[in-house]
Amino acid sequence: CSFLDTDRALVLLEEYCKKLRKPEEQQLKKAIRKVMGIFKSSLFQALLGSFTKKAAKQGAISHSSLPAAVAFHVLGCPKD
C-alpha cells in the first residue's frame, strides 16, 4: 500500500512542479524535486515500509500513507 501511495504523492508533486514557472518559484521547485528524489530512494521506501508495519501493529495507523499525506498537506489537495 505505501509504495502505491508514494507513487501517487510523486505524481501530485510533479503536477505541482509543472505549475511553478515564475522566477521566484524556482527555489520551491528545486526543493520539491529534492523531496521527490528522496521519495524515490530505496532507503526511504524501506524506512516507510518498516514504519508502516510497526504503526499498523500498534494500531497507530490503518493503511495510512505518509508520502501522500505530506503531498496533500503541502499542496492543499483534497483527499479522495
PDB file of N, CA and C in Angstrom:
ATOM      1  N   CYS A   1       0.827  -1.193   0.000  1.00  0.00           N
ATOM      2  CA  CYS A   1       0.000   0.000   0.000  1.00  0.00           C
ATOM      3  C   CYS A   1       0.876   1.264   0.000  1.00  0.00           C
ATOM      4  N   SER A   2       1.937   1.285   0.781  1.00  0.00           N
ATOM      5  CA  SER A   2       2.749   2.501   0.896  1.00  0.00           C
ATOM      6  C   SER A   2       3.488   2.840  -0.389  1.00  0.00           C
ATOM      7  N   PHE A   3       3.873   1.812  -1.179  1.00  0.00           N
ATOM      8  CA  PHE A   3       4.583   2.092  -2.422  1.00  0.00           C
ATOM      9  C   PHE A   3       3.659   2.762  -3.433  1.00  0.00           C
ATOM     10  N   LEU A   4       2.415   2.319  -3.498  1.00  0.00           N
ATOM     11  CA  LEU A   4       1.453   2.933  -4.401  1.00  0.00           C
ATOM     12  C   LEU A   4       1.143   4.363  -3.964  1.00  0.00           C
ATOM     13  N   ASP A   5       1.051   4.575  -2.663  1.00  0.00           N
ATOM     14  CA  ASP A   5       0.793   5.916  -2.144  1.00  0.00           C
ATOM     15  C   ASP A   5       1.965   6.845  -2.424  1.00  0.00           C
ATOM     16  N   THR A   6       3.165   6.318  -2.357  1.00  0.00           N
ATOM     17  CA  THR A   6       4.341   7.119  -2.681  1.00  0.00           C
ATOM     18  C   THR A   6       4.291   7.530  -4.145  1.00  0.00           C
ATOM     19  N   ASP A   7       3.899   6.607  -5.002  1.00  0.00           N
ATOM     20  CA  ASP A   7       3.768   6.929  -6.424  1.00  0.00           C
ATOM     21  C   ASP A   7       2.733   8.027  -6.635  1.00  0.00           C
ATOM     22  N   ARG A   8       1.641   7.955  -5.910  1.00  0.00           N
ATOM     23  CA  ARG A   8       0.601   8.984  -6.036  1.00  0.00           C
ATOM     24  C   ARG A   8       1.137  10.346  -5.567  1.00  0.00           C
ATOM     25  N   ALA A   9       1.867  10.339  -4.474  1.00  0.00           N
ATOM     26  CA  ALA A   9       2.460  11.589  -3.981  1.00  0.00           C
ATOM     27  C   ALA A   9       3.424  12.163  -5.013  1.00  0.00           C
ATOM     28  N   LEU A  10       4.203  11.305  -5.648  1.00  0.00           N
ATOM     29  CA  LEU A  10       5.142  11.763  -6.667  1.00  0.00           C
ATOM     30  C   LEU A  10       4.405  12.384  -7.861  1.00  0.00           C
ATOM     31  N   VAL A  11       3.298  11.781  -8.247  1.00  0.00           N
ATOM     32  CA  VAL A  11       2.505  12.330  -9.344  1.00  0.00           C
ATOM     33  C   VAL A  11       1.972  13.712  -8.969  1.00  0.00           C
ATOM     34  N   LEU A  12       1.450  13.837  -7.748  1.00  0.00           N
ATOM     35  CA  LEU A  12       0.929  15.123  -7.291  1.00  0.00           C
ATOM     36  C   LEU A  12       2.023  16.190  -7.241  1.00  0.00           C
ATOM     37  N   LEU A  13       3.177  15.806  -6.730  1.00  0.00           N
ATOM     38  CA  LEU A  13       4.283  16.760  -6.652  1.00  0.00           C
ATOM     39  C   LEU A  13       4.768  17.167  -8.040  1.00  0.00           C
ATOM     40  N   GLU A  14       4.813  16.211  -8.962  1.00  0.00           N
ATOM     41  CA  GLU A  14       5.229  16.517 -10.331  1.00  0.00           C
ATOM     42  C   GLU A  14       4.237  17.475 -10.996  1.00  0.00           C
ATOM     43  N   GLU A  15       2.948  17.241 -10.793  1.00  0.00           N
ATOM     44  CA  GLU A  15       1.924  18.131 -11.346  1.00  0.00           C
ATOM     45  C   GLU A  15       2.073  19.545 -10.774  1.00  0.00           C
ATOM     46  N   TYR A  16       2.347  19.624  -9.483  1.00  0.00           N
ATOM     47  CA  TYR A  16       2.531  20.927  -8.848  1.00  0.00           C
ATOM     48  C   TYR A  16       3.765  21.630  -9.409  1.00  0.00           C
ATOM     49  N   CYS A  17       4.843  20.883  -9.605  1.00  0.00           N
ATOM     50  CA  CYS A  17       6.080  21.472 -10.138  1.00  0.00           C
ATOM     51  C   CYS A  17       5.858  22.063 -11.522  1.00  0.00           C
ATOM     52  N   LYS A  18       5.020  21.439 -12.313  1.00  0.00           N
ATOM     53  CA  LYS A  18       4.742  21.942 -13.659  1.00  0.00           C
ATOM     54  C   LYS A  18       4.081  23.319 -13.616  1.00  0.00           C
ATOM     55  N   LYS A  19       3.407  23.622 -12.519  1.00  0.00           N
ATOM     56  CA  LYS A  19       2.727  24.911 -12.375  1.00  0.00           C
ATOM     57  C   LYS A  19       3.666  26.015 -11.907  1.00  0.00           C
ATOM     58  N   LEU A  20       4.835  25.642 -11.430  1.00  0.00           N
ATOM     59  CA  LEU A  20       5.797  26.611 -10.907  1.00  0.00           C
ATOM     60  C   LEU A  20       6.668  27.131 -12.042  1.00  0.00           C
ATOM     61  N   ARG A  21       6.305  28.291 -12.583  1.00  0.00           N
ATOM     62  CA  ARG A  21       7.007  28.835 -13.742  1.00  0.00           C
ATOM     63  C   ARG A  21       7.666  30.183 -13.459  1.00  0.00           C
ATOM     64  N   LYS A  22       7.197  30.862 -12.452  1.00  0.00           N
ATOM     65  CA  LYS A  22       7.730  32.192 -12.155  1.00  0.00           C
ATOM     66  C   LYS A  22       9.144  32.077 -11.593  1.00  0.00           C
ATOM     67  N   PRO A  23       9.977  33.074 -11.859  1.00  0.00           N
ATOM     68  CA  PRO A  23      11.352  33.031 -11.338  1.00  0.00           C
ATOM     69  C   PRO A  23      11.412  32.866  -9.818  1.00  0.00           C
ATOM     70  N   GLU A  24      10.512  33.518  -9.108  1.00  0.00           N
ATOM     71  CA  GLU A  24      10.538  33.420  -7.639  1.00  0.00           C
ATOM     72  C   GLU A  24      10.066  32.054  -7.126  1.00  0.00           C
ATOM     73  N   GLU A  25       9.516  31.228  -7.999  1.00  0.00           N
ATOM     74  CA  GLU A  25       9.050  29.896  -7.605  1.00  0.00           C
ATOM     75  C   GLU A  25      10.087  28.805  -7.878  1.00  0.00           C
ATOM     76  N   GLN A  26      11.175  29.162  -8.498  1.00  0.00           N
ATOM     77  CA  GLN A  26      12.162  28.157  -8.893  1.00  0.00           C
ATOM     78  C   GLN A  26      12.885  27.519  -7.709  1.00  0.00           C
ATOM     79  N   GLN A  27      13.066  28.261  -6.636  1.00  0.00           N
ATOM     80  CA  GLN A  27      13.693  27.687  -5.446  1.00  0.00           C
ATOM     81  C   GLN A  27      12.765  26.642  -4.835  1.00  0.00           C
ATOM     82  N   LEU A  28      11.469  26.929  -4.786  1.00  0.00           N
ATOM     83  CA  LEU A  28      10.496  25.957  -4.293  1.00  0.00           C
ATOM     84  C   LEU A  28      10.478  24.729  -5.185  1.00  0.00           C
ATOM     85  N   LYS A  29      10.512  24.937  -6.485  1.00  0.00           N
ATOM     86  CA  LYS A  29      10.515  23.833  -7.441  1.00  0.00           C
ATOM     87  C   LYS A  29      11.728  22.928  -7.214  1.00  0.00           C
ATOM     88  N   LYS A  30      12.879  23.531  -6.983  1.00  0.00           N
ATOM     89  CA  LYS A  30      14.105  22.773  -6.728  1.00  0.00           C
ATOM     90  C   LYS A  30      13.973  21.951  -5.444  1.00  0.00           C
ATOM     91  N   ALA A  31      13.395  22.549  -4.408  1.00  0.00           N
ATOM     92  CA  ALA A  31      13.212  21.840  -3.132  1.00  0.00           C
ATOM     93  C   ALA A  31      12.242  20.671  -3.294  1.00  0.00           C
ATOM     94  N   ILE A  32      11.178  20.885  -4.050  1.00  0.00           N
ATOM     95  CA  ILE A  32      10.208  19.809  -4.274  1.00  0.00           C
ATOM     96  C   ILE A  32      10.856  18.671  -5.046  1.00  0.00           C
ATOM     97  N   ARG A  33      11.681  19.000  -6.013  1.00  0.00           N
ATOM     98  CA  ARG A  33      12.377  17.954  -6.776  1.00  0.00           C
ATOM     99  C   ARG A  33      13.315  17.143  -5.870  1.00  0.00           C
ATOM    100  N   LYS A  34      13.925  17.793  -4.888  1.00  0.00           N
ATOM    101  CA  LYS A  34      14.764  17.061  -3.928  1.00  0.00           C
ATOM    102  C   LYS A  34      13.916  16.101  -3.114  1.00  0.00           C
ATOM    103  N   VAL A  35      12.744  16.555  -2.667  1.00  0.00           N
ATOM    104  CA  VAL A  35      11.827  15.688  -1.915  1.00  0.00           C
ATOM    105  C   VAL A  35      11.407  14.504  -2.779  1.00  0.00           C
ATOM    106  N   MET A  36      11.137  14.763  -4.032  1.00  0.00           N
ATOM    107  CA  MET A  36      10.755  13.689  -4.949  1.00  0.00           C
ATOM    108  C   MET A  36      11.875  12.655  -5.068  1.00  0.00           C
ATOM    109  N   GLY A  37      13.104  13.122  -5.122  1.00  0.00           N
ATOM    110  CA  GLY A  37      14.244  12.206  -5.177  1.00  0.00           C
ATOM    111  C   GLY A  37      14.329  11.344  -3.926  1.00  0.00           C
ATOM    112  N   ILE A  38      14.027  11.940  -2.783  1.00  0.00           N
ATOM    113  CA  ILE A  38      14.026  11.184  -1.528  1.00  0.00           C
ATOM    114  C   ILE A  38      12.926  10.128  -1.553  1.00  0.00           C
ATOM    115  N   PHE A  39      11.720  10.521  -1.993  1.00  0.00           N
ATOM    116  CA  PHE A  39      10.610   9.565  -2.067  1.00  0.00           C
ATOM    117  C   PHE A  39      10.945   8.390  -2.979  1.00  0.00           C
ATOM    118  N   LYS A  40      11.741   8.632  -4.011  1.00  0.00           N
ATOM    119  CA  LYS A  40      12.091   7.583  -4.966  1.00  0.00           C
ATOM    120  C   LYS A  40      13.202   6.672  -4.461  1.00  0.00           C
ATOM    121  N   SER A  41      13.917   7.091  -3.438  1.00  0.00           N
ATOM    122  CA  SER A  41      15.069   6.322  -2.970  1.00  0.00           C
ATOM    123  C   SER A  41      14.647   5.010  -2.315  1.00  0.00           C
ATOM    124  N   SER A  42      15.478   4.005  -2.491  1.00  0.00           N
ATOM    125  CA  SER A  42      15.189   2.692  -1.897  1.00  0.00           C
ATOM    126  C   SER A  42      15.264   2.754  -0.372  1.00  0.00           C
ATOM    127  N   LEU A  43      16.127   3.617   0.167  1.00  0.00           N
ATOM    128  CA  LEU A  43      16.217   3.757   1.619  1.00  0.00           C
ATOM    129  C   LEU A  43      14.905   4.304   2.177  1.00  0.00           C
ATOM    130  N   PHE A  44      14.354   5.339   1.554  1.00  0.00           N
ATOM    131  CA  PHE A  44      13.090   5.900   2.012  1.00  0.00           C
ATOM    132  C   PHE A  44      11.988   4.848   1.945  1.00  0.00           C
ATOM    133  N   GLN A  45      11.931   4.108   0.854  1.00  0.00           N
ATOM    134  CA  GLN A  45      10.900   3.087   0.693  1.00  0.00           C
ATOM    135  C   GLN A  45      11.020   2.016   1.787  1.00  0.00           C
ATOM    136  N   ALA A  46      12.237   1.617   2.112  1.00  0.00           N
ATOM    137  CA  ALA A  46      12.443   0.623   3.161  1.00  0.00           C
ATOM    138  C   ALA A  46      12.029   1.171   4.523  1.00  0.00           C
ATOM    139  N   LEU A  47      12.414   2.405   4.810  1.00  0.00           N
ATOM    140  CA  LEU A  47      12.041   3.013   6.083  1.00  0.00           C
ATOM    141  C   LEU A  47      10.528   3.204   6.182  1.00  0.00           C
ATOM    142  N   LEU A  48       9.906   3.616   5.105  1.00  0.00           N
ATOM    143  CA  LEU A  48       8.464   3.799   5.088  1.00  0.00           C
ATOM    144  C   LEU A  48       7.748   2.473   5.323  1.00  0.00           C
ATOM    145  N   GLY A  49       8.216   1.427   4.674  1.00  0.00           N
ATOM    146  CA  GLY A  49       7.623   0.105   4.870  1.00  0.00           C
ATOM    147  C   GLY A  49       7.747  -0.355   6.304  1.00  0.00           C
ATOM    148  N   SER A  50       8.900  -0.152   6.901  1.00  0.00           N
ATOM    149  CA  SER A  50       9.126  -0.524   8.293  1.00  0.00           C
ATOM    150  C   SER A  50       8.238   0.282   9.224  1.00  0.00           C
ATOM    151  N   PHE A  51       8.165   1.594   9.007  1.00  0.00           N
ATOM    152  CA  PHE A  51       7.330   2.468   9.828  1.00  0.00           C
ATOM    153  C   PHE A  51       5.862   2.065   9.737  1.00  0.00           C
ATOM    154  N   THR A  52       5.405   1.817   8.519  1.00  0.00           N
ATOM    155  CA  THR A  52       4.006   1.470   8.299  1.00  0.00           C
ATOM    156  C   THR A  52       3.642   0.171   9.010  1.00  0.00           C
ATOM    157  N   LYS A  53       4.518  -0.825   8.911  1.00  0.00           N
ATOM    158  CA  LYS A  53       4.261  -2.106   9.565  1.00  0.00           C
ATOM    159  C   LYS A  53       4.202  -1.949  11.081  1.00  0.00           C
ATOM    160  N   LYS A  54       5.158  -1.219  11.660  1.00  0.00           N
ATOM    161  CA  LYS A  54       5.185  -1.016  13.107  1.00  0.00           C
ATOM    162  C   LYS A  54       3.972  -0.227  13.580  1.00  0.00           C
ATOM    163  N   ALA A  55       3.630   0.813  12.874  1.00  0.00           N
ATOM    164  CA  ALA A  55       2.489   1.649  13.265  1.00  0.00           C
ATOM    165  C   ALA A  55       1.178   0.878  13.147  1.00  0.00           C
ATOM    166  N   ALA A  56       1.068   0.053  12.116  1.00  0.00           N
ATOM    167  CA  ALA A  56      -0.151  -0.744  11.942  1.00  0.00           C
ATOM    168  C   ALA A  56      -0.286  -1.760  13.080  1.00  0.00           C
ATOM    169  N   LYS A  57       0.817  -2.363  13.486  1.00  0.00           N
ATOM    170  CA  LYS A  57       0.791  -3.322  14.600  1.00  0.00           C
ATOM    171  C   LYS A  57       0.356  -2.649  15.898  1.00  0.00           C
ATOM    172  N   GLN A  58       0.752  -1.391  16.076  1.00  0.00           N
ATOM    173  CA  GLN A  58       0.418  -0.647  17.287  1.00  0.00           C
ATOM    174  C   GLN A  58      -0.953   0.011  17.189  1.00  0.00           C
ATOM    175  N   GLY A  59      -1.577  -0.101  16.035  1.00  0.00           N
ATOM    176  CA  GLY A  59      -2.893   0.500  15.846  1.00  0.00           C
ATOM    177  C   GLY A  59      -2.837   2.005  15.652  1.00  0.00           C
ATOM    178  N   ALA A  60      -1.651   2.540  15.407  1.00  0.00           N
ATOM    179  CA  ALA A  60      -1.499   3.989  15.249  1.00  0.00           C
ATOM    180  C   ALA A  60      -2.022   4.468  13.904  1.00  0.00           C
ATOM    181  N   ILE A  61      -1.929   3.603  12.907  1.00  0.00           N
ATOM    182  CA  ILE A  61      -2.442   3.953  11.587  1.00  0.00           C
ATOM    183  C   ILE A  61      -3.128   2.747  10.983  1.00  0.00           C
ATOM    184  N   SER A  62      -3.984   2.996  10.036  1.00  0.00           N
ATOM    185  CA  SER A  62      -4.581   1.906   9.282  1.00  0.00           C
ATOM    186  C   SER A  62      -4.506   2.277   7.812  1.00  0.00           C
ATOM    187  N   HIS A  63      -3.615   1.634   7.096  1.00  0.00           N
ATOM    188  CA  HIS A  63      -3.378   1.883   5.675  1.00  0.00           C
ATOM    189  C   HIS A  63      -3.119   3.361   5.402  1.00  0.00           C
ATOM    190  N   SER A  64      -2.387   3.990   6.281  1.00  0.00           N
ATOM    191  CA  SER A  64      -2.057   5.404   6.109  1.00  0.00           C
ATOM    192  C   SER A  64      -0.956   5.551   5.080  1.00  0.00           C
ATOM    193  N   SER A  65      -0.886   6.700   4.508  1.00  0.00           N
ATOM    194  CA  SER A  65       0.138   6.995   3.524  1.00  0.00           C
ATOM    195  C   SER A  65       0.869   8.258   3.921  1.00  0.00           C
ATOM    196  N   LEU A  66       2.028   8.111   4.471  1.00  0.00           N
ATOM    197  CA  LEU A  66       2.821   9.268   4.868  1.00  0.00           C
ATOM    198  C   LEU A  66       3.183  10.154   3.673  1.00  0.00           C
ATOM    199  N   PRO A  67       3.726   9.598   2.582  1.00  0.00           N
ATOM    200  CA  PRO A  67       4.085  10.472   1.463  1.00  0.00           C
ATOM    201  C   PRO A  67       2.886  11.188   0.855  1.00  0.00           C
ATOM    202  N   ALA A  68       1.806  10.472   0.640  1.00  0.00           N
ATOM    203  CA  ALA A  68       0.620  11.107   0.050  1.00  0.00           C
ATOM    204  C   ALA A  68       0.048  12.146   1.001  1.00  0.00           C
ATOM    205  N   ALA A  69       0.034  11.850   2.299  1.00  0.00           N
ATOM    206  CA  ALA A  69      -0.488  12.802   3.279  1.00  0.00           C
ATOM    207  C   ALA A  69       0.336  14.085   3.263  1.00  0.00           C
ATOM    208  N   VAL A  70       1.651  13.938   3.163  1.00  0.00           N
ATOM    209  CA  VAL A  70       2.518  15.113   3.098  1.00  0.00           C
ATOM    210  C   VAL A  70       2.213  15.922   1.840  1.00  0.00           C
ATOM    211  N   ALA A  71       2.098  15.242   0.714  1.00  0.00           N
ATOM    212  CA  ALA A  71       1.819  15.942  -0.551  1.00  0.00           C
ATOM    213  C   ALA A  71       0.462  16.641  -0.484  1.00  0.00           C
ATOM    214  N   PHE A  72      -0.544  15.955   0.038  1.00  0.00           N
ATOM    215  CA  PHE A  72      -1.860  16.552   0.139  1.00  0.00           C
ATOM    216  C   PHE A  72      -1.810  17.800   1.017  1.00  0.00           C
ATOM    217  N   HIS A  73      -1.084  17.713   2.122  1.00  0.00           N
ATOM    218  CA  HIS A  73      -0.998  18.830   3.054  1.00  0.00           C
ATOM    219  C   HIS A  73      -0.276  20.017   2.419  1.00  0.00           C
ATOM    220  N   VAL A  74       0.864  19.745   1.817  1.00  0.00           N
ATOM    221  CA  VAL A  74       1.665  20.813   1.221  1.00  0.00           C
ATOM    222  C   VAL A  74       0.932  21.476   0.068  1.00  0.00           C
ATOM    223  N   LEU A  75       0.274  20.674  -0.752  1.00  0.00           N
ATOM    224  CA  LEU A  75      -0.377  21.201  -1.952  1.00  0.00           C
ATOM    225  C   LEU A  75      -1.802  21.651  -1.710  1.00  0.00           C
ATOM    226  N   GLY A  76      -2.345  21.316  -0.535  1.00  0.00           N
ATOM    227  CA  GLY A  76      -3.721  21.698  -0.241  1.00  0.00           C
ATOM    228  C   GLY A  76      -4.731  20.939  -1.063  1.00  0.00           C
ATOM    229  N   CYS A  77      -4.399  19.716  -1.451  1.00  0.00           N
ATOM    230  CA  CYS A  77      -5.291  18.911  -2.272  1.00  0.00           C
ATOM    231  C   CYS A  77      -6.271  18.152  -1.383  1.00  0.00           C
ATOM    232  N   PRO A  78      -7.520  18.066  -1.803  1.00  0.00           N
ATOM    233  CA  PRO A  78      -8.473  17.258  -1.034  1.00  0.00           C
ATOM    234  C   PRO A  78      -8.171  15.780  -1.225  1.00  0.00           C
ATOM    235  N   LYS A  79      -8.346  15.015  -0.170  1.00  0.00           N
ATOM    236  CA  LYS A  79      -8.155  13.572  -0.262  1.00  0.00           C
ATOM    237  C   LYS A  79      -9.374  12.949  -0.918  1.00  0.00           C
ATOM    238  N   ASP A  80      -9.150  11.931  -1.751  1.00  0.00           N
ATOM    239  CA  ASP A  80     -10.265  11.238  -2.418  1.00  0.00           C
ATOM    240  C   ASP A  80     -11.009  10.350  -1.450  1.00  0.00           C
TER     241      ASP A  80
END
